[in-house]
Amino acid sequence: MIKKGRYRIKRYILNREHGSIFDEWLNMNSTYNIKKEEIDYLKQICVPKQTVFYVESIDELRIESCLSPHEVNFYEVTFEYS
């Protein structure tokens, strides 16, 4: 049972378009002899996409997601108020 009220939900999306260091590495044609500055660059650009939304809940909190192949979603749920 969860508390009745408003919840803030932050969704992190990691897929081939957002945050995939492997796909960016392949796009750089750096399959051999990757340099430190290229690794640093990949670390900077390969971050998951973030979205934030709010839902009201009475008895339950249900989050549904349709994932693409090789996609991962992470949800950070925070109670706002009742």
PDB file of N, CA and C in Angstrom:
ATOM      1  N   MET A   1       0.848  -1.181   0.000  1.00  0.00           N
ATOM      2  CA  MET A   1       0.000   0.000   0.000  1.00  0.00           C
ATOM      3  C   MET A   1       0.892   1.242   0.000  1.00  0.00           C
ATOM      4  N   ILE A   2       0.556   2.186  -0.808  1.00  0.00           N
ATOM      5  CA  ILE A   2       1.313   3.428  -0.861  1.00  0.00           C
ATOM      6  C   ILE A   2       0.474   4.578  -0.337  1.00  0.00           C
ATOM      7  N   LYS A   3       1.131   5.679  -0.030  1.00  0.00           N
ATOM      8  CA  LYS A   3       0.416   6.856   0.466  1.00  0.00           C
ATOM      9  C   LYS A   3      -0.368   7.517  -0.651  1.00  0.00           C
ATOM     10  N   LYS A   4      -1.557   7.996  -0.311  1.00  0.00           N
ATOM     11  CA  LYS A   4      -2.372   8.753  -1.246  1.00  0.00           C
ATOM     12  C   LYS A   4      -1.691  10.105  -1.462  1.00  0.00           C
ATOM     13  N   GLY A   5      -1.604  10.540  -2.713  1.00  0.00           N
ATOM     14  CA  GLY A   5      -1.017  11.845  -2.980  1.00  0.00           C
ATOM     15  C   GLY A   5      -0.332  11.931  -4.324  1.00  0.00           C
ATOM     16  N   ARG A   6       0.478  12.943  -4.435  1.00  0.00           N
ATOM     17  CA  ARG A   6       1.160  13.240  -5.693  1.00  0.00           C
ATOM     18  C   ARG A   6       2.588  12.703  -5.642  1.00  0.00           C
ATOM     19  N   TYR A   7       3.007  12.085  -6.748  1.00  0.00           N
ATOM     20  CA  TYR A   7       4.340  11.519  -6.864  1.00  0.00           C
ATOM     21  C   TYR A   7       5.069  12.136  -8.058  1.00  0.00           C
ATOM     22  N   ARG A   8       6.337  12.432  -7.835  1.00  0.00           N
ATOM     23  CA  ARG A   8       7.215  12.905  -8.906  1.00  0.00           C
ATOM     24  C   ARG A   8       7.991  11.704  -9.403  1.00  0.00           C
ATOM     25  N   ILE A   9       7.944  11.480 -10.702  1.00  0.00           N
ATOM     26  CA  ILE A   9       8.618  10.325 -11.276  1.00  0.00           C
ATOM     27  C   ILE A   9       9.640  10.812 -12.295  1.00  0.00           C
ATOM     28  N   LYS A  10      10.879  10.447 -12.057  1.00  0.00           N
ATOM     29  CA  LYS A  10      11.958  10.780 -12.971  1.00  0.00           C
ATOM     30  C   LYS A  10      12.360   9.497 -13.682  1.00  0.00           C
ATOM     31  N   ARG A  11      12.305   9.538 -15.000  1.00  0.00           N
ATOM     32  CA  ARG A  11      12.597   8.356 -15.812  1.00  0.00           C
ATOM     33  C   ARG A  11      13.918   8.558 -16.547  1.00  0.00           C
ATOM     34  N   TYR A  12      14.807   7.582 -16.407  1.00  0.00           N
ATOM     35  CA  TYR A  12      16.072   7.573 -17.132  1.00  0.00           C
ATOM     36  C   TYR A  12      15.951   6.524 -18.229  1.00  0.00           C
ATOM     37  N   ILE A  13      16.289   6.912 -19.451  1.00  0.00           N
ATOM     38  CA  ILE A  13      16.176   6.014 -20.595  1.00  0.00           C
ATOM     39  C   ILE A  13      17.567   5.780 -21.180  1.00  0.00           C
ATOM     40  N   LEU A  14      17.953   4.524 -21.231  1.00  0.00           N
ATOM     41  CA  LEU A  14      19.225   4.138 -21.831  1.00  0.00           C
ATOM     42  C   LEU A  14      18.908   3.205 -22.994  1.00  0.00           C
ATOM     43  N   ASN A  15      19.238   3.671 -24.210  1.00  0.00           N
ATOM     44  CA  ASN A  15      18.999   2.859 -25.401  1.00  0.00           C
ATOM     45  C   ASN A  15      20.017   3.232 -26.473  1.00  0.00           C
ATOM     46  N   ARG A  16      19.817   2.791 -27.674  1.00  0.00           N
ATOM     47  CA  ARG A  16      20.786   3.030 -28.737  1.00  0.00           C
ATOM     48  C   ARG A  16      20.875   4.507 -29.117  1.00  0.00           C
ATOM     49  N   GLU A  17      19.825   5.280 -28.876  1.00  0.00           N
ATOM     50  CA  GLU A  17      19.821   6.706 -29.202  1.00  0.00           C
ATOM     51  C   GLU A  17      20.271   7.577 -28.029  1.00  0.00           C
ATOM     52  N   HIS A  18      20.138   7.079 -26.826  1.00  0.00           N
ATOM     53  CA  HIS A  18      20.436   7.866 -25.628  1.00  0.00           C
ATOM     54  C   HIS A  18      21.338   7.080 -24.685  1.00  0.00           C
ATOM     55  N   GLY A  19      22.590   7.474 -24.626  1.00  0.00           N
ATOM     56  CA  GLY A  19      23.482   6.934 -23.616  1.00  0.00           C
ATOM     57  C   GLY A  19      24.250   5.679 -23.969  1.00  0.00           C
ATOM     58  N   SER A  20      24.095   5.174 -25.181  1.00  0.00           N
ATOM     59  CA  SER A  20      24.799   3.943 -25.539  1.00  0.00           C
ATOM     60  C   SER A  20      26.240   4.256 -25.934  1.00  0.00           C
ATOM     61  N   ILE A  21      27.147   3.995 -25.025  1.00  0.00           N
ATOM     62  CA  ILE A  21      28.556   4.253 -25.322  1.00  0.00           C
ATOM     63  C   ILE A  21      29.056   3.319 -26.419  1.00  0.00           C
ATOM     64  N   PHE A  22      28.513   2.130 -26.484  1.00  0.00           N
ATOM     65  CA  PHE A  22      28.926   1.176 -27.513  1.00  0.00           C
ATOM     66  C   PHE A  22      28.589   1.688 -28.906  1.00  0.00           C
ATOM     67  N   ASP A  23      27.369   2.188 -29.111  1.00  0.00           N
ATOM     68  CA  ASP A  23      26.975   2.690 -30.424  1.00  0.00           C
ATOM     69  C   ASP A  23      27.780   3.923 -30.822  1.00  0.00           C
ATOM     70  N   GLU A  24      28.040   4.819 -29.870  1.00  0.00           N
ATOM     71  CA  GLU A  24      28.852   6.001 -30.173  1.00  0.00           C
ATOM     72  C   GLU A  24      30.288   5.606 -30.511  1.00  0.00           C
ATOM     73  N   TRP A  25      30.804   4.623 -29.810  1.00  0.00           N
ATOM     74  CA  TRP A  25      32.155   4.129 -30.083  1.00  0.00           C
ATOM     75  C   TRP A  25      32.238   3.584 -31.504  1.00  0.00           C
ATOM     76  N   LEU A  26      31.231   2.831 -31.920  1.00  0.00           N
ATOM     77  CA  LEU A  26      31.211   2.315 -33.291  1.00  0.00           C
ATOM     78  C   LEU A  26      31.086   3.445 -34.306  1.00  0.00           C
ATOM     79  N   ASN A  27      30.294   4.469 -34.003  1.00  0.00           N
ATOM     80  CA  ASN A  27      30.129   5.604 -34.913  1.00  0.00           C
ATOM     81  C   ASN A  27      31.431   6.388 -35.091  1.00  0.00           C
ATOM     82  N   MET A  28      32.288   6.348 -34.101  1.00  0.00           N
ATOM     83  CA  MET A  28      33.571   7.052 -34.179  1.00  0.00           C
ATOM     84  C   MET A  28      34.604   6.281 -35.000  1.00  0.00           C
ATOM     85  N   ASN A  29      34.271   5.061 -35.409  1.00  0.00           N
ATOM     86  CA  ASN A  29      35.226   4.193 -36.117  1.00  0.00           C
ATOM     87  C   ASN A  29      36.502   3.991 -35.306  1.00  0.00           C
ATOM     88  N   SER A  30      36.342   3.914 -34.010  1.00  0.00           N
ATOM     89  CA  SER A  30      37.500   3.772 -33.113  1.00  0.00           C
ATOM     90  C   SER A  30      37.564   2.376 -32.520  1.00  0.00           C
ATOM     91  N   THR A  31      37.272   1.384 -33.323  1.00  0.00           N
ATOM     92  CA  THR A  31      37.268   0.026 -32.788  1.00  0.00           C
ATOM     93  C   THR A  31      38.673  -0.436 -32.396  1.00  0.00           C
ATOM     94  N   TYR A  32      39.675   0.237 -32.924  1.00  0.00           N
ATOM     95  CA  TYR A  32      41.057  -0.102 -32.578  1.00  0.00           C
ATOM     96  C   TYR A  32      41.758   1.145 -32.049  1.00  0.00           C
ATOM     97  N   ASN A  33      42.583   0.956 -31.057  1.00  0.00           N
ATOM     98  CA  ASN A  33      43.471   2.009 -30.580  1.00  0.00           C
ATOM     99  C   ASN A  33      42.742   3.290 -30.163  1.00  0.00           C
ATOM    100  N   ILE A  34      41.740   3.159 -29.324  1.00  0.00           N
ATOM    101  CA  ILE A  34      41.002   4.336 -28.848  1.00  0.00           C
ATOM    102  C   ILE A  34      41.881   5.118 -27.872  1.00  0.00           C
ATOM    103  N   LYS A  35      41.856   6.418 -28.002  1.00  0.00           N
ATOM    104  CA  LYS A  35      42.699   7.306 -27.188  1.00  0.00           C
ATOM    105  C   LYS A  35      41.946   7.792 -25.956  1.00  0.00           C
ATOM    106  N   LYS A  36      42.693   8.267 -24.954  1.00  0.00           N
ATOM    107  CA  LYS A  36      42.098   8.748 -23.709  1.00  0.00           C
ATOM    108  C   LYS A  36      41.124   9.898 -23.951  1.00  0.00           C
ATOM    109  N   GLU A  37      41.469  10.840 -24.825  1.00  0.00           N
ATOM    110  CA  GLU A  37      40.570  11.968 -25.087  1.00  0.00           C
ATOM    111  C   GLU A  37      39.270  11.518 -25.739  1.00  0.00           C
ATOM    112  N   GLU A  38      39.310  10.445 -26.503  1.00  0.00           N
ATOM    113  CA  GLU A  38      38.084   9.892 -27.095  1.00  0.00           C
ATOM    114  C   GLU A  38      37.234   9.213 -26.015  1.00  0.00           C
ATOM    115  N   ILE A  39      37.868   8.555 -25.082  1.00  0.00           N
ATOM    116  CA  ILE A  39      37.148   7.950 -23.963  1.00  0.00           C
ATOM    117  C   ILE A  39      36.497   9.038 -23.121  1.00  0.00           C
ATOM    118  N   ASP A  40      37.230  10.115 -22.858  1.00  0.00           N
ATOM    119  CA  ASP A  40      36.671  11.241 -22.095  1.00  0.00           C
ATOM    120  C   ASP A  40      35.468  11.844 -22.813  1.00  0.00           C
ATOM    121  N   TYR A  41      35.573  11.985 -24.122  1.00  0.00           N
ATOM    122  CA  TYR A  41      34.461  12.506 -24.918  1.00  0.00           C
ATOM    123  C   TYR A  41      33.239  11.593 -24.811  1.00  0.00           C
ATOM    124  N   LEU A  42      33.451  10.297 -24.936  1.00  0.00           N
ATOM    125  CA  LEU A  42      32.339   9.351 -24.845  1.00  0.00           C
ATOM    126  C   LEU A  42      31.674   9.406 -23.472  1.00  0.00           C
ATOM    127  N   LYS A  43      32.462   9.569 -22.426  1.00  0.00           N
ATOM    128  CA  LYS A  43      31.909   9.676 -21.073  1.00  0.00           C
ATOM    129  C   LYS A  43      31.011  10.905 -20.938  1.00  0.00           C
ATOM    130  N   GLN A  44      31.362  11.987 -21.629  1.00  0.00           N
ATOM    131  CA  GLN A  44      30.586  13.222 -21.547  1.00  0.00           C
ATOM    132  C   GLN A  44      29.269  13.137 -22.306  1.00  0.00           C
ATOM    133  N   ILE A  45      29.278  12.508 -23.470  1.00  0.00           N
ATOM    134  CA  ILE A  45      28.064  12.519 -24.300  1.00  0.00           C
ATOM    135  C   ILE A  45      27.136  11.341 -24.045  1.00  0.00           C
ATOM    136  N   CYS A  46      27.624  10.277 -23.463  1.00  0.00           N
ATOM    137  CA  CYS A  46      26.821   9.068 -23.295  1.00  0.00           C
ATOM    138  C   CYS A  46      26.131   9.066 -21.940  1.00  0.00           C
ATOM    139  N   VAL A  47      25.054   9.822 -21.865  1.00  0.00           N
ATOM    140  CA  VAL A  47      24.254   9.893 -20.647  1.00  0.00           C
ATOM    141  C   VAL A  47      22.818   9.522 -20.989  1.00  0.00           C
ATOM    142  N   PRO A  48      22.119   8.879 -20.074  1.00  0.00           N
ATOM    143  CA  PRO A  48      20.727   8.530 -20.335  1.00  0.00           C
ATOM    144  C   PRO A  48      19.853   9.772 -20.506  1.00  0.00           C
ATOM    145  N   LYS A  49      18.817   9.639 -21.298  1.00  0.00           N
ATOM    146  CA  LYS A  49      17.809  10.691 -21.425  1.00  0.00           C
ATOM    147  C   LYS A  49      17.004  10.719 -20.127  1.00  0.00           C
ATOM    148  N   GLN A  50      16.597  11.925 -19.702  1.00  0.00           N
ATOM    149  CA  GLN A  50      15.805  12.056 -18.479  1.00  0.00           C
ATOM    150  C   GLN A  50      14.503  12.772 -18.780  1.00  0.00           C
ATOM    151  N   THR A  51      13.419  12.257 -18.224  1.00  0.00           N
ATOM    152  CA  THR A  51      12.123  12.926 -18.292  1.00  0.00           C
ATOM    153  C   THR A  51      11.525  12.924 -16.890  1.00  0.00           C
ATOM    154  N   VAL A  52      10.701  13.922 -16.608  1.00  0.00           N
ATOM    155  CA  VAL A  52      10.052  14.031 -15.304  1.00  0.00           C
ATOM    156  C   VAL A  52       8.560  14.204 -15.534  1.00  0.00           C
ATOM    157  N   PHE A  53       7.761  13.478 -14.758  1.00  0.00           N
ATOM    158  CA  PHE A  53       6.315  13.654 -14.796  1.00  0.00           C
ATOM    159  C   PHE A  53       5.739  13.398 -13.415  1.00  0.00           C
ATOM    160  N   TYR A  54       4.495  13.800 -13.242  1.00  0.00           N
ATOM    161  CA  TYR A  54       3.818  13.697 -11.952  1.00  0.00           C
ATOM    162  C   TYR A  54       2.541  12.883 -12.107  1.00  0.00           C
ATOM    163  N   VAL A  55       2.224  12.092 -11.081  1.00  0.00           N
ATOM    164  CA  VAL A  55       0.990  11.318 -11.069  1.00  0.00           C
ATOM    165  C   VAL A  55       0.333  11.432  -9.701  1.00  0.00           C
ATOM    166  N   GLU A  56      -0.986  11.368  -9.706  1.00  0.00           N
ATOM    167  CA  GLU A  56      -1.760  11.324  -8.457  1.00  0.00           C
ATOM    168  C   GLU A  56      -2.103   9.865  -8.193  1.00  0.00           C
ATOM    169  N   SER A  57      -1.990   9.474  -6.944  1.00  0.00           N
ATOM    170  CA  SER A  57      -2.271   8.091  -6.584  1.00  0.00           C
ATOM    171  C   SER A  57      -3.230   8.033  -5.404  1.00  0.00           C
ATOM    172  N   ILE A  58      -4.140   7.055  -5.447  1.00  0.00           N
ATOM    173  CA  ILE A  58      -5.063   6.829  -4.335  1.00  0.00           C
ATOM    174  C   ILE A  58      -4.691   5.531  -3.627  1.00  0.00           C
ATOM    175  N   ASP A  59      -4.743   4.401  -4.339  1.00  0.00           N
ATOM    176  CA  ASP A  59      -4.462   3.095  -3.731  1.00  0.00           C
ATOM    177  C   ASP A  59      -3.175   2.453  -4.235  1.00  0.00           C
ATOM    178  N   GLU A  60      -2.836   2.749  -5.485  1.00  0.00           N
ATOM    179  CA  GLU A  60      -1.673   2.099  -6.068  1.00  0.00           C
ATOM    180  C   GLU A  60      -0.974   3.066  -7.020  1.00  0.00           C
ATOM    181  N   LEU A  61       0.257   2.749  -7.304  1.00  0.00           N
ATOM    182  CA  LEU A  61       1.046   3.520  -8.255  1.00  0.00           C
ATOM    183  C   LEU A  61       1.507   2.548  -9.327  1.00  0.00           C
ATOM    184  N   ARG A  62       1.039   2.769 -10.537  1.00  0.00           N
ATOM    185  CA  ARG A  62       1.362   1.860 -11.629  1.00  0.00           C
ATOM    186  C   ARG A  62       2.084   2.637 -12.721  1.00  0.00           C
ATOM    187  N   ILE A  63       3.228   2.108 -13.115  1.00  0.00           N
ATOM    188  CA  ILE A  63       4.013   2.701 -14.190  1.00  0.00           C
ATOM    189  C   ILE A  63       4.195   1.639 -15.257  1.00  0.00           C
ATOM    190  N   GLU A  64       3.801   1.969 -16.467  1.00  0.00           N
ATOM    191  CA  GLU A  64       3.966   1.035 -17.575  1.00  0.00           C
ATOM    192  C   GLU A  64       4.916   1.638 -18.587  1.00  0.00           C
ATOM    193  N   SER A  65       5.693   0.779 -19.210  1.00  0.00           N
ATOM    194  CA  SER A  65       6.672   1.239 -20.172  1.00  0.00           C
ATOM    195  C   SER A  65       6.788   0.218 -21.291  1.00  0.00           C
ATOM    196  N   CYS A  66       6.920   0.704 -22.501  1.00  0.00           N
ATOM    197  CA  CYS A  66       7.142  -0.156 -23.659  1.00  0.00           C
ATOM    198  C   CYS A  66       8.596   0.044 -24.082  1.00  0.00           C
ATOM    199  N   LEU A  67       9.404  -0.987 -23.926  1.00  0.00           N
ATOM    200  CA  LEU A  67      10.832  -0.873 -24.182  1.00  0.00           C
ATOM    201  C   LEU A  67      11.195  -1.338 -25.581  1.00  0.00           C
ATOM    202  N   SER A  68      12.160  -0.659 -26.169  1.00  0.00           N
ATOM    203  CA  SER A  68      12.748  -1.089 -27.440  1.00  0.00           C
ATOM    204  C   SER A  68      13.767  -2.187 -27.142  1.00  0.00           C
ATOM    205  N   PRO A  69      14.185  -2.925 -28.171  1.00  0.00           N
ATOM    206  CA  PRO A  69      15.237  -3.919 -27.932  1.00  0.00           C
ATOM    207  C   PRO A  69      16.480  -3.260 -27.333  1.00  0.00           C
ATOM    208  N   HIS A  70      17.075  -3.875 -26.355  1.00  0.00           N
ATOM    209  CA  HIS A  70      18.296  -3.431 -25.673  1.00  0.00           C
ATOM    210  C   HIS A  70      18.095  -2.139 -24.868  1.00  0.00           C
ATOM    211  N   GLU A  71      16.878  -1.783 -24.548  1.00  0.00           N
ATOM    212  CA  GLU A  71      16.602  -0.560 -23.792  1.00  0.00           C
ATOM    213  C   GLU A  71      16.420  -0.876 -22.314  1.00  0.00           C
ATOM    214  N   VAL A  72      16.853   0.056 -21.480  1.00  0.00           N
ATOM    215  CA  VAL A  72      16.692  -0.035 -20.038  1.00  0.00           C
ATOM    216  C   VAL A  72      16.058   1.255 -19.548  1.00  0.00           C
ATOM    217  N   ASN A  73      15.083   1.154 -18.654  1.00  0.00           N
ATOM    218  CA  ASN A  73      14.488   2.315 -18.002  1.00  0.00           C
ATOM    219  C   ASN A  73      14.692   2.186 -16.506  1.00  0.00           C
ATOM    220  N   PHE A  74      14.986   3.298 -15.884  1.00  0.00           N
ATOM    221  CA  PHE A  74      15.119   3.366 -14.431  1.00  0.00           C
ATOM    222  C   PHE A  74      14.193   4.468 -13.950  1.00  0.00           C
ATOM    223  N   TYR A  75      13.392   4.188 -12.941  1.00  0.00           N
ATOM    224  CA  TYR A  75      12.437   5.157 -12.420  1.00  0.00           C
ATOM    225  C   TYR A  75      12.816   5.552 -10.999  1.00  0.00           C
ATOM    226  N   GLU A  76      12.879   6.842 -10.763  1.00  0.00           N
ATOM    227  CA  GLU A  76      13.108   7.390  -9.434  1.00  0.00           C
ATOM    228  C   GLU A  76      11.790   8.017  -8.984  1.00  0.00           C
ATOM    229  N   VAL A  77      11.150   7.442  -7.966  1.00  0.00           N
ATOM    230  CA  VAL A  77       9.836   7.849  -7.524  1.00  0.00           C
ATOM    231  C   VAL A  77       9.939   8.553  -6.175  1.00  0.00           C
ATOM    232  N   THR A  78       9.393   9.776  -6.118  1.00  0.00           N
ATOM    233  CA  THR A  78       9.459  10.578  -4.905  1.00  0.00           C
ATOM    234  C   THR A  78       8.057  11.048  -4.522  1.00  0.00           C
ATOM    235  N   PHE A  79       7.675  10.834  -3.278  1.00  0.00           N
ATOM    236  CA  PHE A  79       6.392  11.313  -2.792  1.00  0.00           C
ATOM    237  C   PHE A  79       6.465  12.834  -2.606  1.00  0.00           C
ATOM    238  N   GLU A  80       5.489  13.549  -3.176  1.00  0.00           N
ATOM    239  CA  GLU A  80       5.470  15.017  -3.092  1.00  0.00           C
ATOM    240  C   GLU A  80       4.609  15.510  -1.932  1.00  0.00           C
ATOM    241  N   TYR A  81       3.341  15.140  -1.945  1.00  0.00           N
ATOM    242  CA  TYR A  81       2.429  15.563  -0.871  1.00  0.00           C
ATOM    243  C   TYR A  81       1.113  14.807  -1.001  1.00  0.00           C
ATOM    244  N   SER A  82       0.283  14.924   0.040  1.00  0.00           N
ATOM    245  CA  SER A  82      -1.041  14.282  -0.012  1.00  0.00           C
ATOM    246  C   SER A  82      -2.131  15.340   0.015  1.00  0.00           C
TER     247      SER A  82
END
